[in-house]
Amino acid sequence: MTFNHYENTCTKLSKKLTVAYSTSFSWGIKAFAPEYRDPIYSIYGWVRVADEIVDTFHFTDKKYLLNKFKRDTYEAIENKVSTNPVIHTFQKVVRDYNIGNDLIDAFLDSMEMDLEETSYERIDYDKYIYGSAEVVGLMCLHVFLDGNKEKYEELKESARMLGSAFQKVNFLRDINSDLNDRERIYLPDVHHEMLINNTNKKKLEYEIDEEFQEAFKGIKKLPMGVKLGVYSAYLYYLMLFKKIKQLDVKDLMKKRVRISNFYKLFLLVKCYFEVRVMKLT
C-alpha cells in the first residue's frame, strides 16, 4: 500500500457523501470530464460536513465542533495531511488549485452565523449568501480554470451569481423545513413567521431571475469539460424555480417542490444536445 491509496480512499468517501446528500448535484458532477470530478467531490464533501454540524448535530456543542473543524482544516492545509478523510482530500484541492483562505473563512463564517441567527437583516443576509453559496462557486471555478487568473477574474461574478441563485431557490423550496425544523427564516428583513408572504417571495424571485441571467453568461464561457455538468445543474434549478414561482407561499409551506428523475434525465439529454451539438456559446 502507498499514501496514494489513502488519498484515493479519502476522495471516494467525499464522493459517497456527495451522492448520499445530493442526487441532483451528483448528476451534474457525473457530466464533468473525469479530471474535474474528484476535486469537486472533495469540495462538496467538506462543505457538507460543516453544514451538517450546524444543521443536525443538535446533541452536542456545535460551536466547539465547528471551531475544531476549522482548526483541523487549517492545520491540514499547513501540514499537507489530515487523519480526517474529508478534510484531507479538501486540503489537497485547496493547495493544488490555489484556493484562498478568504474563501474558506467566508464559508465557515456563514456556518457560524447559522449557530446564532434565526433571521437576517439585508446586509447580514448578503454576507450569509456570499459565504454559504457564492464562495463555493468560486472554489469550483478555481478547479474549472486550473490557475488561469485572467479567466477567473472574467467569470467570478457569474460564478457568484450562480451560487447565490441556487441557494435562494433552496431557501424558497425549503421554507417549511427551515422554519419548522431549524427555526430559521431565510428571507431578507423578515423576522417572524407571520411576515412571510407573497410580497417577500416575489422580491426574492426578482433577485433570482437577475442572478440566473448573469450566471448563464458565464456558463457559456466555461471549459467544455465542465460546461455540460454546470449547465445541467443550471437548468435543473431553473426548472425548480419556475415551479416555485407558480406556487403561493402557503403551498410552499405544505410541500417541497421536486423534479422527477425522468425529467432530470430529460434535462440532461437537452443539455447534451445544446452543449455538444449546438455548441452552447
Protein backbone atom coordinates (compact mmCIF):
# COMPACT_ATOMS: atom_id res chain seq x y z
CA MET A 1 0.00 0.00 0.00
CA THR A 2 1.11 3.58 -0.65
CA PHE A 3 -0.01 7.03 0.54
CA ASN A 4 -1.86 7.37 -2.77
CA HIS A 5 -4.13 4.57 -1.60
CA TYR A 6 -5.11 6.67 1.44
CA GLU A 7 -5.71 9.76 -0.70
CA ASN A 8 -7.84 7.82 -3.19
CA THR A 9 -9.87 6.33 -0.37
CA CYS A 10 -10.44 9.81 1.13
CA THR A 11 -11.72 11.06 -2.21
CA LYS A 12 -14.08 8.09 -2.51
CA LEU A 13 -15.53 8.94 0.91
CA SER A 14 -16.17 12.54 -0.17
CA LYS A 15 -17.86 11.20 -3.29
CA LYS A 16 -20.10 8.97 -1.16
CA LEU A 17 -21.08 11.97 0.95
CA THR A 18 -21.95 13.95 -2.15
CA VAL A 19 -24.07 11.19 -3.64
CA ALA A 20 -25.81 10.49 -0.32
CA TYR A 21 -26.81 14.11 0.28
CA SER A 22 -27.46 15.50 -3.20
CA THR A 23 -28.55 13.34 -6.11
CA SER A 24 -29.07 16.37 -8.37
CA PHE A 25 -25.58 17.75 -7.68
CA SER A 26 -24.12 14.28 -8.22
CA TRP A 27 -25.77 14.05 -11.62
CA GLY A 28 -24.09 17.30 -12.62
CA ILE A 29 -20.65 16.12 -11.48
CA LYS A 30 -21.00 12.89 -13.46
CA ALA A 31 -21.36 15.04 -16.56
CA PHE A 32 -17.91 16.60 -15.96
CA ALA A 33 -14.85 15.32 -17.74
CA PRO A 34 -13.12 12.78 -15.42
CA GLU A 35 -10.28 15.07 -14.34
CA TYR A 36 -12.72 17.53 -12.75
CA ARG A 37 -14.88 15.13 -10.78
CA ASP A 38 -12.75 14.18 -7.77
CA PRO A 39 -11.76 17.78 -6.85
CA ILE A 40 -15.41 18.86 -6.90
CA TYR A 41 -16.46 15.85 -4.82
CA SER A 42 -13.75 16.85 -2.35
CA ILE A 43 -15.02 20.42 -2.09
CA TYR A 44 -18.63 19.35 -1.69
CA GLY A 45 -17.79 16.68 0.89
CA TRP A 46 -16.02 19.25 3.08
CA VAL A 47 -18.84 21.77 2.69
CA ARG A 48 -21.40 19.10 3.53
CA VAL A 49 -19.75 18.12 6.82
CA ALA A 50 -19.62 21.75 8.01
CA ASP A 51 -23.26 22.22 7.05
CA GLU A 52 -24.27 19.07 8.90
CA ILE A 53 -22.53 20.26 12.06
CA VAL A 54 -24.75 23.35 12.26
CA ASP A 55 -27.93 21.74 10.91
CA THR A 56 -28.17 18.32 12.52
CA PHE A 57 -25.66 17.88 15.36
CA HIS A 58 -28.20 19.00 17.94
CA PHE A 59 -26.96 16.56 20.57
CA THR A 60 -23.59 18.23 21.09
CA ASP A 61 -21.72 21.55 21.27
CA LYS A 62 -21.97 22.74 17.68
CA LYS A 63 -19.80 25.80 18.16
CA TYR A 64 -16.97 23.70 19.58
CA LEU A 65 -17.22 21.19 16.74
CA LEU A 66 -17.31 23.90 14.07
CA ASN A 67 -14.27 25.63 15.58
CA LYS A 68 -12.46 22.29 15.74
CA PHE A 69 -13.39 21.60 12.12
CA LYS A 70 -11.93 24.98 11.20
CA ARG A 71 -8.70 24.39 13.17
CA ASP A 72 -8.32 20.91 11.72
CA THR A 73 -8.81 22.27 8.20
CA TYR A 74 -6.10 24.91 8.51
CA GLU A 75 -3.71 22.52 10.23
CA ALA A 76 -4.23 20.09 7.37
CA ILE A 77 -3.55 22.78 4.78
CA GLU A 78 -0.34 23.72 6.61
CA ASN A 79 0.82 20.14 7.21
CA LYS A 80 -0.48 18.75 3.87
CA VAL A 81 -2.20 15.85 5.61
CA SER A 82 -5.12 15.02 7.89
CA THR A 83 -6.42 11.88 9.58
CA ASN A 84 -9.92 13.19 8.80
CA PRO A 85 -10.55 11.83 5.26
CA VAL A 86 -12.88 14.65 4.19
CA ILE A 87 -10.52 17.36 5.41
CA HIS A 88 -7.52 15.57 3.91
CA THR A 89 -8.91 15.46 0.41
CA PHE A 90 -10.17 19.07 0.71
CA GLN A 91 -6.76 20.42 1.77
CA LYS A 92 -5.19 18.75 -1.24
CA VAL A 93 -7.63 20.51 -3.58
CA VAL A 94 -7.00 23.82 -1.78
CA ARG A 95 -3.27 23.51 -2.40
CA ASP A 96 -3.50 22.02 -5.91
CA TYR A 97 -5.80 24.77 -7.17
CA ASN A 98 -4.63 27.68 -5.02
CA ILE A 99 -7.96 28.26 -3.26
CA GLY A 100 -7.55 31.23 -0.95
CA ASN A 101 -8.12 31.26 2.80
CA ASP A 102 -10.51 34.18 2.28
CA LEU A 103 -12.99 31.82 0.60
CA ILE A 104 -12.62 29.21 3.34
CA ASP A 105 -13.05 31.83 6.07
CA ALA A 106 -16.13 33.31 4.42
CA PHE A 107 -17.80 29.91 4.19
CA LEU A 108 -17.07 28.99 7.81
CA ASP A 109 -18.21 32.45 8.98
CA SER A 110 -21.59 31.81 7.36
CA MET A 111 -21.81 28.43 9.02
CA GLU A 112 -21.12 30.12 12.36
CA MET A 113 -23.89 32.65 11.65
CA ASP A 114 -26.32 29.74 11.45
CA LEU A 115 -25.44 28.84 15.04
CA GLU A 116 -26.75 32.15 16.34
CA GLU A 117 -29.08 33.73 13.81
CA THR A 118 -32.67 32.76 13.03
CA SER A 119 -33.34 35.65 10.62
CA TYR A 120 -31.29 38.27 8.80
CA GLU A 121 -31.20 41.97 8.06
CA ARG A 122 -30.31 42.68 4.43
CA ILE A 123 -26.61 43.35 4.99
CA ASP A 124 -26.15 40.19 7.04
CA TYR A 125 -28.28 38.22 4.59
CA ASP A 126 -25.99 39.19 1.71
CA LYS A 127 -22.94 38.27 3.80
CA TYR A 128 -24.51 34.91 4.60
CA ILE A 129 -25.33 34.19 0.94
CA TYR A 130 -21.81 35.10 -0.12
CA GLY A 131 -20.21 32.79 2.43
CA SER A 132 -22.62 29.88 2.26
CA ALA A 133 -23.05 29.71 -1.51
CA GLU A 134 -21.13 32.16 -3.66
CA VAL A 135 -17.69 31.18 -2.37
CA VAL A 136 -18.46 27.51 -3.06
CA GLY A 137 -18.99 28.50 -6.68
CA LEU A 138 -15.68 30.36 -6.61
CA MET A 139 -13.88 27.33 -5.16
CA CYS A 140 -15.26 25.24 -8.00
CA LEU A 141 -14.24 27.90 -10.50
CA HIS A 142 -10.63 27.60 -9.31
CA VAL A 143 -10.81 23.91 -10.22
CA PHE A 144 -12.53 24.51 -13.55
CA LEU A 145 -9.94 27.06 -14.70
CA ASP A 146 -6.86 25.39 -13.13
CA GLY A 147 -4.85 28.50 -12.42
CA ASN A 148 -5.99 30.77 -15.28
CA LYS A 149 -6.20 34.00 -13.25
CA GLU A 150 -7.37 36.17 -16.14
CA LYS A 151 -10.28 33.84 -16.92
CA TYR A 152 -11.09 33.56 -13.20
CA GLU A 153 -11.47 37.34 -12.92
CA GLU A 154 -13.68 37.33 -16.01
CA LEU A 155 -16.03 34.61 -14.73
CA LYS A 156 -16.06 35.06 -10.96
CA GLU A 157 -19.12 37.35 -10.89
CA SER A 158 -21.14 34.83 -12.88
CA ALA A 159 -19.95 32.03 -10.58
CA ARG A 160 -21.07 34.05 -7.57
CA MET A 161 -24.47 34.70 -9.10
CA LEU A 162 -24.97 31.03 -9.90
CA GLY A 163 -24.21 30.02 -6.32
CA SER A 164 -26.48 32.74 -4.99
CA ALA A 165 -29.37 31.77 -7.29
CA PHE A 166 -29.07 28.11 -6.31
CA GLN A 167 -29.05 28.97 -2.61
CA LYS A 168 -32.06 31.27 -2.83
CA VAL A 169 -34.05 28.67 -4.80
CA ASN A 170 -33.22 26.24 -1.99
CA PHE A 171 -34.46 28.77 0.57
CA LEU A 172 -37.83 29.05 -1.17
CA ARG A 173 -38.13 25.32 -1.72
CA ASP A 174 -37.19 24.50 1.88
CA ILE A 175 -39.06 27.33 3.57
CA ASN A 176 -41.20 24.88 5.54
CA SER A 177 -38.37 22.70 6.87
CA ASP A 178 -36.14 25.71 7.59
CA LEU A 179 -38.86 27.28 9.67
CA ASN A 180 -40.21 24.21 11.45
CA ASP A 181 -37.10 22.04 11.78
CA ARG A 182 -34.36 24.66 12.13
CA GLU A 183 -36.40 27.67 13.32
CA ARG A 184 -34.79 29.88 10.67
CA ILE A 185 -36.19 32.32 8.12
CA TYR A 186 -34.06 32.89 5.03
CA LEU A 187 -35.91 35.89 3.63
CA PRO A 188 -34.10 39.22 3.98
CA ASP A 189 -35.56 41.59 6.61
CA VAL A 190 -38.21 39.06 7.63
CA HIS A 191 -38.05 38.18 11.34
CA HIS A 192 -41.32 36.47 12.13
CA GLU A 193 -43.32 33.64 10.59
CA MET A 194 -46.38 35.88 10.23
CA LEU A 195 -44.41 38.23 7.96
CA ILE A 196 -43.69 35.54 5.36
CA ASN A 197 -45.92 36.35 2.39
CA ASN A 198 -46.07 36.50 -1.39
CA THR A 199 -44.61 40.02 -1.43
CA ASN A 200 -41.42 38.76 0.25
CA LYS A 201 -41.41 35.80 -2.11
CA LYS A 202 -41.70 37.93 -5.24
CA LYS A 203 -38.87 40.23 -4.12
CA LEU A 204 -36.57 37.26 -3.76
CA GLU A 205 -37.77 35.83 -7.09
CA TYR A 206 -36.83 39.08 -8.83
CA GLU A 207 -33.28 38.77 -7.47
CA ILE A 208 -33.06 35.13 -8.53
CA ASP A 209 -34.23 35.96 -12.08
CA GLU A 210 -31.44 38.51 -12.46
CA GLU A 211 -28.85 36.16 -11.00
CA PHE A 212 -29.80 33.32 -13.34
CA GLN A 213 -29.39 35.67 -16.31
CA GLU A 214 -25.93 36.78 -15.16
CA ALA A 215 -24.87 33.22 -14.37
CA PHE A 216 -25.79 31.99 -17.85
CA LYS A 217 -23.34 34.45 -19.41
CA GLY A 218 -20.52 32.79 -17.51
CA ILE A 219 -21.64 29.22 -18.14
CA LYS A 220 -21.26 29.75 -21.88
CA LYS A 221 -17.58 30.62 -21.35
CA LEU A 222 -16.65 27.66 -19.15
CA PRO A 223 -14.26 24.93 -20.40
CA MET A 224 -16.05 22.24 -22.39
CA GLY A 225 -15.08 19.62 -19.81
CA VAL A 226 -17.37 21.19 -17.19
CA LYS A 227 -19.90 23.12 -19.25
CA LEU A 228 -22.32 20.20 -19.62
CA GLY A 229 -22.36 19.49 -15.87
CA VAL A 230 -22.77 23.12 -14.79
CA TYR A 231 -25.40 23.80 -17.43
CA SER A 232 -27.40 20.74 -16.40
CA ALA A 233 -27.38 21.95 -12.77
CA TYR A 234 -28.41 25.39 -14.01
CA LEU A 235 -31.38 24.01 -15.95
CA TYR A 236 -32.40 21.78 -13.03
CA TYR A 237 -32.52 24.72 -10.64
CA LEU A 238 -34.18 26.91 -13.24
CA MET A 239 -36.94 24.32 -13.59
CA LEU A 240 -37.32 24.16 -9.80
CA PHE A 241 -37.54 27.93 -9.74
CA LYS A 242 -40.23 28.05 -12.41
CA LYS A 243 -42.34 25.58 -10.43
CA ILE A 244 -41.83 27.57 -7.23
CA LYS A 245 -42.88 30.82 -8.91
CA GLN A 246 -46.24 29.28 -9.79
CA LEU A 247 -47.00 28.47 -6.14
CA ASP A 248 -48.33 30.55 -3.30
CA VAL A 249 -46.26 30.82 -0.12
CA LYS A 250 -48.95 28.78 1.64
CA ASP A 251 -48.38 25.97 -0.87
CA LEU A 252 -44.61 26.04 -0.26
CA MET A 253 -45.29 25.75 3.46
CA LYS A 254 -47.14 22.50 2.81
CA LYS A 255 -44.95 20.66 0.31
CA ARG A 256 -41.42 20.57 -1.06
CA VAL A 257 -41.15 21.13 -4.81
CA ARG A 258 -39.37 18.29 -6.61
CA ILE A 259 -38.21 17.35 -10.10
CA SER A 260 -38.78 13.72 -11.09
CA ASN A 261 -35.83 11.52 -12.06
CA PHE A 262 -37.40 11.13 -15.50
CA TYR A 263 -37.41 14.89 -16.01
CA LYS A 264 -33.85 15.14 -14.68
CA LEU A 265 -32.83 12.68 -17.39
CA PHE A 266 -34.70 14.75 -19.97
CA LEU A 267 -32.84 17.88 -18.85
CA LEU A 268 -29.50 16.06 -19.13
CA VAL A 269 -30.31 15.00 -22.70
CA LYS A 270 -31.39 18.56 -23.51
CA CYS A 271 -28.12 19.87 -22.07
CA TYR A 272 -26.08 17.36 -24.04
CA PHE A 273 -27.76 18.44 -27.28
CA GLU A 274 -27.32 22.16 -26.61
CA VAL A 275 -23.71 21.89 -25.40
CA ARG A 276 -22.32 19.15 -27.64
CA VAL A 277 -24.39 19.55 -30.78
CA MET A 278 -25.43 23.20 -30.79
CA LYS A 279 -22.12 24.24 -29.15
CA LEU A 280 -23.50 26.49 -26.40
CA THR A 281 -21.55 29.74 -26.62
